[in-house]
Protein backbone atom coordinates (compact mmCIF):
# COMPACT_ATOMS: atom_id res chain seq x y z
CA MET A 1 30.61 -19.04 -2.29
CA PRO A 2 32.18 -18.87 1.23
CA GLY A 3 31.87 -15.59 3.13
CA PRO A 4 34.93 -13.57 4.22
CA LEU A 5 35.06 -15.32 7.62
CA ASP A 6 34.88 -18.83 6.20
CA GLY A 7 37.11 -21.12 8.29
CA VAL A 8 36.70 -19.10 11.50
CA ARG A 9 35.01 -20.92 14.37
CA VAL A 10 33.15 -18.89 16.99
CA VAL A 11 31.82 -20.24 20.28
CA ASP A 12 28.72 -18.18 21.03
CA PHE A 13 28.10 -18.22 24.81
CA THR A 14 25.62 -15.33 24.67
CA THR A 15 21.91 -14.75 25.25
CA MET A 16 19.22 -12.17 24.55
CA ILE A 17 19.96 -9.74 21.66
CA ALA A 18 23.29 -7.89 21.82
CA GLY A 19 25.53 -10.97 21.87
CA PRO A 20 23.49 -13.15 19.50
CA TYR A 21 23.09 -10.29 17.01
CA GLY A 22 26.84 -9.66 17.01
CA THR A 23 27.67 -13.32 16.51
CA MET A 24 25.02 -13.63 13.80
CA ILE A 25 26.82 -10.95 11.81
CA LEU A 26 29.95 -13.11 12.02
CA ALA A 27 27.91 -16.18 11.03
CA ASP A 28 26.38 -14.35 8.08
CA GLN A 29 29.89 -13.50 6.93
CA GLY A 30 30.88 -17.14 6.85
CA ALA A 31 32.04 -18.03 10.37
CA ASP A 32 31.07 -21.39 11.89
CA VAL A 33 29.20 -20.07 14.92
CA ILE A 34 28.28 -22.66 17.55
CA LYS A 35 25.61 -21.38 19.91
CA VAL A 36 26.02 -22.97 23.36
CA GLU A 37 22.98 -23.14 25.65
CA ALA A 38 22.09 -25.06 28.79
CA PRO A 39 19.87 -28.12 28.21
CA LEU A 40 17.16 -26.99 30.64
CA ARG A 41 17.60 -23.24 30.48
CA SER A 42 17.90 -22.07 26.91
CA ASP A 43 18.25 -18.52 25.62
CA HIS A 44 15.23 -16.55 26.88
CA VAL A 45 14.69 -15.08 23.42
CA ARG A 46 13.60 -18.52 22.17
CA ARG A 47 10.39 -17.94 24.11
CA ALA A 48 9.97 -14.18 23.69
CA GLY A 49 7.20 -12.58 21.67
CA TYR A 50 5.54 -13.64 18.45
CA GLY A 51 6.47 -17.10 17.25
CA GLN A 52 5.70 -19.98 14.91
CA ARG A 53 6.30 -23.69 15.52
CA HIS A 54 8.53 -23.24 18.57
CA PHE A 55 10.56 -20.42 16.96
CA SER A 56 10.13 -16.82 18.08
CA ALA A 57 10.71 -14.05 15.53
CA ALA A 58 13.36 -12.54 17.81
CA PHE A 59 15.26 -15.82 17.91
CA VAL A 60 15.21 -16.53 14.17
CA ASN A 61 16.24 -12.93 13.44
CA ASN A 62 19.31 -13.06 15.68
CA ASN A 63 20.52 -16.64 15.39
CA ARG A 64 20.53 -17.79 11.78
CA ASN A 65 23.58 -19.43 10.25
CA LYS A 66 24.47 -20.92 13.64
CA ARG A 67 24.68 -24.47 14.93
CA SER A 68 23.25 -25.38 18.34
CA LEU A 69 25.08 -27.28 21.07
CA THR A 70 23.43 -27.85 24.45
CA VAL A 71 25.72 -28.49 27.40
CA ASP A 72 25.55 -28.01 31.14
CA ALA A 73 28.60 -25.84 31.77
CA LYS A 74 28.22 -26.23 35.55
CA SER A 75 28.96 -29.96 35.44
CA PRO A 76 32.55 -31.23 35.18
CA ALA A 77 31.74 -33.25 32.08
CA GLY A 78 29.98 -30.26 30.49
CA LYS A 79 32.88 -27.96 31.22
CA GLN A 80 35.18 -30.48 29.56
CA VAL A 81 33.02 -30.45 26.44
CA ILE A 82 33.33 -26.66 26.27
CA LEU A 83 37.10 -26.80 26.73
CA ASP A 84 37.35 -29.39 23.99
CA LEU A 85 35.29 -27.11 21.76
CA VAL A 86 37.46 -24.09 22.59
CA ARG A 87 40.56 -26.01 21.51
CA THR A 88 39.10 -26.01 17.98
CA ALA A 89 37.86 -22.41 18.05
CA ASP A 90 39.18 -19.00 17.04
CA VAL A 91 36.77 -16.84 19.02
CA PHE A 92 34.77 -17.15 22.25
CA VAL A 93 32.02 -14.60 22.95
CA GLN A 94 30.16 -14.27 26.25
CA ASN A 95 27.81 -11.62 27.66
CA PHE A 96 27.35 -12.56 31.31
CA ARG A 97 27.78 -10.19 34.20
CA PRO A 98 31.35 -9.75 35.45
CA GLY A 99 32.34 -12.66 37.69
CA VAL A 100 30.00 -15.28 36.23
CA MET A 101 32.53 -16.80 33.83
CA ALA A 102 35.19 -16.87 36.56
CA ARG A 103 32.83 -18.87 38.78
CA LEU A 104 32.32 -21.30 35.91
CA ALA A 105 36.10 -21.45 35.42
CA LEU A 106 35.56 -20.37 31.82
CA ASP A 107 37.07 -16.90 31.88
CA TYR A 108 39.84 -15.71 29.56
CA ASP A 109 42.72 -17.18 31.54
CA ASP A 110 40.97 -20.58 31.72
CA LEU A 111 40.41 -20.72 27.98
CA LYS A 112 43.80 -19.25 27.10
CA ALA A 113 45.36 -22.17 28.96
CA VAL A 114 43.85 -24.63 26.47
CA ASN A 115 44.03 -22.34 23.39
CA PRO A 116 46.62 -19.54 23.63
CA LYS A 117 45.42 -18.01 20.34
CA ILE A 118 41.81 -17.67 21.39
CA ILE A 119 40.13 -14.28 20.97
CA TYR A 120 37.85 -13.88 23.98
CA LEU A 121 35.20 -11.19 23.82
CA SER A 122 33.51 -10.21 27.06
CA MET A 123 30.31 -8.21 26.61
CA SER A 124 28.66 -6.55 29.61
CA GLY A 125 26.18 -3.85 30.42
CA TRP A 126 28.32 -1.49 32.45
CA GLY A 127 31.89 -2.74 32.20
CA GLU A 128 34.04 -4.57 34.72
CA SER A 129 34.56 -1.79 37.30
CA GLY A 130 32.62 1.03 38.89
CA PRO A 131 29.56 1.19 41.17
CA PHE A 132 27.19 -0.19 38.48
CA ALA A 133 29.42 -3.03 37.26
CA HIS A 134 27.39 -5.81 38.90
CA LYS A 135 23.94 -4.28 38.43
CA PRO A 136 21.48 -5.95 36.07
CA VAL A 137 20.80 -4.04 32.88
CA TYR A 138 18.52 -3.93 29.88
CA ASP A 139 18.42 -1.63 26.87
CA PRO A 140 16.21 1.17 28.34
CA ILE A 141 18.44 1.35 31.43
CA ILE A 142 21.44 2.12 29.20
CA GLN A 143 19.38 4.65 27.22
CA ALA A 144 18.61 6.41 30.50
CA LEU A 145 22.09 6.63 32.03
CA SER A 146 24.00 7.25 28.79
CA GLY A 147 22.12 10.48 28.03
CA LEU A 148 20.51 8.95 24.96
CA ALA A 149 17.01 9.47 26.38
CA SER A 150 17.77 13.18 26.86
CA VAL A 151 19.06 13.44 23.31
CA GLN A 152 15.87 11.78 22.07
CA ALA A 153 13.81 14.32 24.04
CA GLY A 154 15.25 17.07 21.87
CA ALA A 155 16.66 19.19 24.72
CA ASP A 156 17.93 18.62 28.24
CA ASP A 157 15.01 20.51 29.81
CA ALA A 158 12.37 18.43 27.99
CA ARG A 159 10.91 15.15 29.22
CA PRO A 160 13.38 12.33 28.37
CA ARG A 161 12.21 9.84 25.78
CA LEU A 162 13.31 6.35 24.88
CA ILE A 163 14.14 5.42 21.32
CA ARG A 164 11.49 2.89 20.33
CA THR A 165 13.99 0.29 19.26
CA ILE A 166 16.68 -1.42 21.29
CA LEU A 167 19.49 0.67 19.89
CA PRO A 168 22.06 0.02 22.67
CA ASP A 169 21.63 -3.75 22.30
CA LYS A 170 21.99 -3.76 18.54
CA LEU A 171 24.73 -1.14 18.45
CA THR A 172 26.73 -3.21 20.95
CA GLY A 173 26.26 -6.27 18.75
CA ILE A 174 27.54 -4.43 15.70
CA THR A 175 30.49 -3.04 17.67
CA ALA A 176 31.24 -6.56 18.92
CA SER A 177 31.37 -8.01 15.41
CA GLN A 178 33.75 -5.25 14.29
CA ALA A 179 35.95 -5.80 17.35
CA VAL A 180 36.17 -9.53 16.68
CA ALA A 181 37.12 -8.93 13.05
CA ALA A 182 39.80 -6.46 14.14
CA ALA A 183 41.18 -8.92 16.70
CA LEU A 184 41.27 -11.67 14.09
CA PHE A 185 43.22 -9.38 11.76
CA ALA A 186 45.66 -8.52 14.55
CA ARG A 187 46.17 -12.22 15.25
CA GLU A 188 47.00 -12.81 11.60
CA ARG A 189 49.88 -10.34 12.02
CA THR A 190 51.07 -11.24 15.51
CA GLY A 191 49.98 -14.85 15.96
CA GLU A 192 48.53 -13.91 19.37
CA GLY A 193 45.03 -13.99 20.74
CA GLN A 194 43.69 -11.47 23.24
CA HIS A 195 40.89 -10.52 25.61
CA VAL A 196 38.53 -7.90 24.19
CA ARG A 197 36.14 -6.15 26.57
CA LEU A 198 33.04 -4.28 25.47
CA SER A 199 30.15 -2.76 27.39
CA MET A 200 26.77 -1.49 26.24
CA LEU A 201 27.41 1.79 28.04
CA ASP A 202 30.76 2.35 26.29
CA SER A 203 29.24 1.47 22.93
CA VAL A 204 26.44 4.02 23.27
CA VAL A 205 28.56 6.83 24.71
CA ALA A 206 31.13 6.44 21.93
CA PHE A 207 28.32 6.33 19.37
CA MET A 208 26.72 9.52 20.69
CA TRP A 209 29.89 11.55 20.74
CA SER A 210 30.05 11.64 16.96
CA SER A 211 27.04 13.97 16.69
CA ASP A 212 25.29 14.57 20.02
CA MET A 213 27.93 15.70 22.49
CA GLY A 214 29.04 19.02 21.04
CA SER A 215 28.03 20.80 24.25
CA GLN A 216 30.60 18.72 26.18
CA THR A 217 33.41 18.62 23.62
CA PHE A 218 35.37 21.80 24.32
CA VAL A 219 36.93 21.54 27.74
CA GLY A 220 36.25 24.61 29.84
CA LYS A 221 33.56 25.73 27.41
CA GLU A 222 30.88 23.18 28.30
CA VAL A 223 27.18 24.03 28.08
CA ASP A 224 25.14 22.78 31.03
CA VAL A 225 21.80 22.48 29.20
CA ALA A 226 21.99 21.38 25.60
CA ARG A 227 19.54 22.83 23.10
CA ALA A 228 17.40 20.67 20.89
CA ALA A 229 19.15 19.17 17.89
CA THR A 230 16.03 19.60 15.84
CA PHE A 231 17.81 19.12 12.52
CA ILE A 232 17.66 15.34 13.11
CA ASP A 233 13.88 15.25 13.77
CA LEU A 234 12.37 16.62 10.61
CA ILE A 235 8.95 15.07 10.11
CA TYR A 236 6.27 17.20 8.45
CA GLU A 237 2.56 16.68 8.01
CA THR A 238 1.06 17.12 4.56
CA LYS A 239 -2.48 16.85 3.23
CA SER A 240 -2.11 13.08 2.77
CA GLY A 241 0.55 11.92 5.26
CA TYR A 242 4.03 12.58 6.56
CA ILE A 243 7.30 13.34 4.81
CA SER A 244 10.81 14.10 5.99
CA VAL A 245 12.67 17.11 4.64
CA SER A 246 16.21 18.14 5.54
CA VAL A 247 17.87 21.38 4.43
CA MET A 248 21.44 21.55 5.69
CA SER A 249 23.26 23.60 3.03
CA ASN A 250 22.50 27.12 1.76
CA ASP A 251 21.62 25.73 -1.68
CA GLN A 252 19.06 23.36 -0.13
CA TRP A 253 17.52 26.15 1.93
CA HIS A 254 17.25 28.33 -1.15
CA GLY A 255 15.70 25.45 -3.06
CA PHE A 256 13.14 24.82 -0.35
CA CYS A 257 12.08 28.45 0.01
CA HIS A 258 11.51 28.83 -3.73
CA ALA A 259 9.77 25.43 -4.00
CA VAL A 260 7.18 26.30 -1.34
CA GLY A 261 6.63 29.79 -2.64
CA HIS A 262 8.28 31.77 0.15
CA PRO A 263 11.44 33.38 -1.26
CA GLU A 264 11.06 36.17 1.34
CA TRP A 265 12.36 33.73 3.99
CA LEU A 266 15.76 34.05 2.35
CA ASP A 267 15.93 37.66 3.54
CA ASP A 268 15.32 36.71 7.18
CA GLU A 269 18.58 37.36 9.03
CA ARG A 270 17.94 34.40 11.37
CA PHE A 271 18.09 31.89 8.53
CA LYS A 272 20.83 33.20 6.25
CA THR A 273 23.52 30.81 7.52
CA PRO A 274 23.55 27.15 8.59
CA GLY A 275 24.45 28.31 12.11
CA GLY A 276 21.52 30.67 12.23
CA ARG A 277 19.10 28.09 10.88
CA ASP A 278 20.25 25.75 13.65
CA ARG A 279 20.06 28.43 16.34
CA TYR A 280 16.52 29.38 15.35
CA ALA A 281 15.50 25.84 14.41
CA ASP A 282 12.13 25.88 16.16
CA GLU A 283 11.03 29.04 14.40
CA ARG A 284 12.30 27.80 11.04
CA LEU A 285 10.59 24.41 11.38
CA GLU A 286 7.28 26.04 12.26
CA LEU A 287 7.48 28.08 9.06
CA MET A 288 8.40 25.02 7.01
CA GLN A 289 5.50 23.06 8.45
CA SER A 290 3.07 25.87 7.75
CA ALA A 291 4.01 25.75 4.07
CA LEU A 292 3.61 21.98 3.67
CA HIS A 293 -0.01 21.55 4.75
CA ASP A 294 -1.65 22.45 1.45
CA LYS A 295 -0.43 19.65 -0.84
CA THR A 296 -0.22 15.87 -0.65
CA ALA A 297 2.92 14.02 0.29
CA GLU A 298 3.32 12.76 -3.29
CA GLU A 299 3.02 16.30 -4.70
CA TRP A 300 5.56 17.76 -2.29
CA LEU A 301 8.05 14.94 -2.85
CA ASP A 302 7.98 15.63 -6.60
CA ILE A 303 8.32 19.38 -6.12
CA LEU A 304 11.10 19.20 -3.53
CA GLU A 305 13.06 16.58 -5.43
CA GLU A 306 12.97 18.81 -8.51
CA ALA A 307 14.32 21.65 -6.36
CA GLY A 308 17.22 19.54 -5.10
CA VAL A 309 15.90 19.31 -1.55
CA PRO A 310 16.58 16.02 0.32
CA CYS A 311 13.22 14.43 1.13
CA ALA A 312 11.50 11.07 1.53
CA PRO A 313 8.13 9.63 2.52
CA VAL A 314 7.66 8.45 6.11
CA LEU A 315 6.82 4.76 5.81
CA THR A 316 5.33 2.21 8.13
CA ARG A 317 7.12 -1.10 8.57
CA SER A 318 4.86 -2.89 6.11
CA GLN A 319 5.26 -0.09 3.54
CA MET A 320 9.03 -0.07 3.94
CA VAL A 321 9.56 -3.72 3.01
CA ARG A 322 7.70 -3.12 -0.29
CA HIS A 323 9.22 0.24 -1.19
CA GLU A 324 10.89 0.31 -4.59
CA GLN A 325 14.24 1.48 -3.21
CA VAL A 326 14.29 -1.25 -0.56
CA GLU A 327 13.38 -3.79 -3.20
CA ALA A 328 16.12 -2.50 -5.49
CA SER A 329 18.73 -2.84 -2.76
CA GLY A 330 17.86 -6.46 -2.14
CA ILE A 331 18.30 -6.01 1.61
CA VAL A 332 15.03 -7.84 2.41
CA VAL A 333 15.02 -11.50 1.39
CA GLU A 334 12.76 -14.52 1.84
CA THR A 335 14.14 -17.86 2.98
CA GLU A 336 12.57 -21.20 3.85
CA HIS A 337 13.12 -22.40 7.40
CA PRO A 338 12.65 -26.16 7.72
CA ARG A 339 10.45 -25.78 10.80
CA ALA A 340 9.34 -22.15 11.11
CA GLY A 341 8.30 -21.88 7.46
CA LEU A 342 8.86 -19.07 4.98
CA LEU A 343 10.72 -16.17 6.61
CA ARG A 344 11.23 -12.58 5.57
CA GLN A 345 14.54 -11.26 6.88
CA THR A 346 17.42 -9.03 5.81
CA ARG A 347 20.62 -10.22 4.24
CA ASN A 348 23.90 -9.11 5.75
CA ALA A 349 24.10 -5.36 5.14
CA ALA A 350 27.70 -5.32 3.83
CA ARG A 351 28.09 -6.63 0.29
CA PHE A 352 31.35 -8.44 -0.54
CA GLU A 353 32.17 -8.86 -4.21
CA ALA A 354 34.63 -11.74 -3.90
CA THR A 355 33.51 -13.48 -0.71
CA VAL A 356 29.74 -13.25 -0.82
CA PRO A 357 27.93 -13.91 2.50
CA GLU A 358 24.83 -16.06 2.34
CA ILE A 359 22.09 -17.41 4.56
CA ARG A 360 23.22 -21.02 4.74
CA TYR A 361 20.62 -22.20 7.23
CA GLY A 362 18.04 -20.83 9.61
CA ALA A 363 18.17 -20.49 13.38
CA PRO A 364 18.65 -23.90 15.03
CA HIS A 365 16.45 -25.87 17.35
CA LEU A 366 17.87 -26.20 20.82
CA GLY A 367 20.48 -28.96 20.65
CA GLU A 368 19.93 -29.56 16.95
CA HIS A 369 23.65 -30.05 16.26
CA THR A 370 24.78 -31.48 19.60
CA GLU A 371 25.59 -34.95 18.24
CA GLU A 372 27.19 -33.53 15.10
CA ILE A 373 29.50 -31.23 17.05
CA LEU A 374 30.42 -33.86 19.64
CA THR A 375 31.37 -36.20 16.80
CA GLU A 376 33.58 -33.47 15.32
CA LEU A 377 35.28 -33.15 18.72
CA GLY A 378 36.04 -36.88 18.78
CA TYR A 379 33.34 -38.13 21.17
CA ASP A 380 32.28 -41.64 20.21
CA ASN A 381 28.75 -43.00 20.41
CA GLN A 382 29.25 -44.46 23.87
CA GLN A 383 30.58 -41.18 25.27
CA GLN A 384 27.74 -39.22 23.69
CA ALA A 385 25.18 -41.61 25.11
CA ALA A 386 26.64 -41.19 28.59
CA LEU A 387 26.52 -37.38 28.35
CA LEU A 388 22.93 -37.56 27.14
CA ARG A 389 21.93 -40.00 29.88
CA ASP A 390 23.47 -37.85 32.60
CA GLY A 391 21.74 -34.70 31.35
CA VAL A 392 25.01 -32.99 30.47
CA VAL A 393 23.81 -32.46 26.90
CA SER A 394 20.51 -32.72 25.05
CA VAL A 395 19.45 -33.13 21.44
CA ALA A 396 16.70 -31.39 19.52
CA ASP A 397 14.03 -34.08 19.85
CA GLU A 398 14.27 -33.85 23.63
CA ALA A 399 14.50 -30.10 23.78
CA ILE A 400 11.39 -28.51 22.31
CA GLU A 401 11.40 -25.07 23.88
CA GLU A 402 8.89 -24.68 26.64
CA GLY A 403 6.36 -21.92 26.40
CA THR A 404 6.99 -20.58 22.89
CA HIS A 405 3.58 -19.66 21.54
CA ASN A 406 2.36 -19.96 17.99
CA GLY A 407 0.65 -17.39 15.85
């Protein structure tokens, strides 16, 4: 069954994680996503980290359901191929530093001239203006400047810490996919395309404001040094391992105190209200931890669940994929890749009842669909042969990624 974006063509001119992850979400939801790479300088992620048979895990996990076209965008003939492709497309996504696409003559105005209805998404690290606009950027750099590393530390006066996953990259990808869907919906109503701009910095700052920027929300009442938001870091050690427990409401706090055998904590003036429990979070968490040492994780999870206290085991990655709740959700699936072998991945997180997304095919070899796409664009065999001979394009057999290691 076609996904909800069936019939939408996306030109994916992105590399690394943020852009490819965002376009993969669109591909998972049915869009025909054509990943465009240079013949001799493919996406770096193809060669990054653990891999099998010329496919890195990072590449297969961010580029499935896409077709691969290799083309040298710096050559006149290559630029023409891209323009011909754009004429057939609904969306163009790029994540190069500001100015790069203008130098290639492939910025929004260039593409709008050949396809006025094109939705052009520009992804960048810092945005198009400001003193950092042209600086290089990676995920930890955004974590640092955005304040996310300070939030992760627990308090502004503690040593900053990075989140041990590339949250800014992936969050920007998710935001990008939502922005494209919104722009497509707007075009359905107005008939007009548009230029959408998105930066990693903006994505993270907007994301943080929902829960982490209370100290800066009330103008004229700002707090210079934010206290620890310890209610979001609730990991406790038991006799057999770690569990997470969260008591936000009065009923949950009452349930916890009775479950661990300390009803006298309910009489402590510091903890009688949610505000007080937050204000004296460190003292409260020390008491909670002291009560959880004497039983196993399994015992406490049963006791706390019976008391109506939100709790869960803390799982490793390998434990998570086999947990009964994860298995019940069906989020983790196994698919057969024709070259990389049997893969374990996740399905698209959103479940559509009428337009069900599916994994149609795995991540492509570099140039795997070059001939197929050129044929769709009307290039005959002689024209394709000339492009191949001149190095403007390449096909999969001539483009085994250099340096990808196995095992």
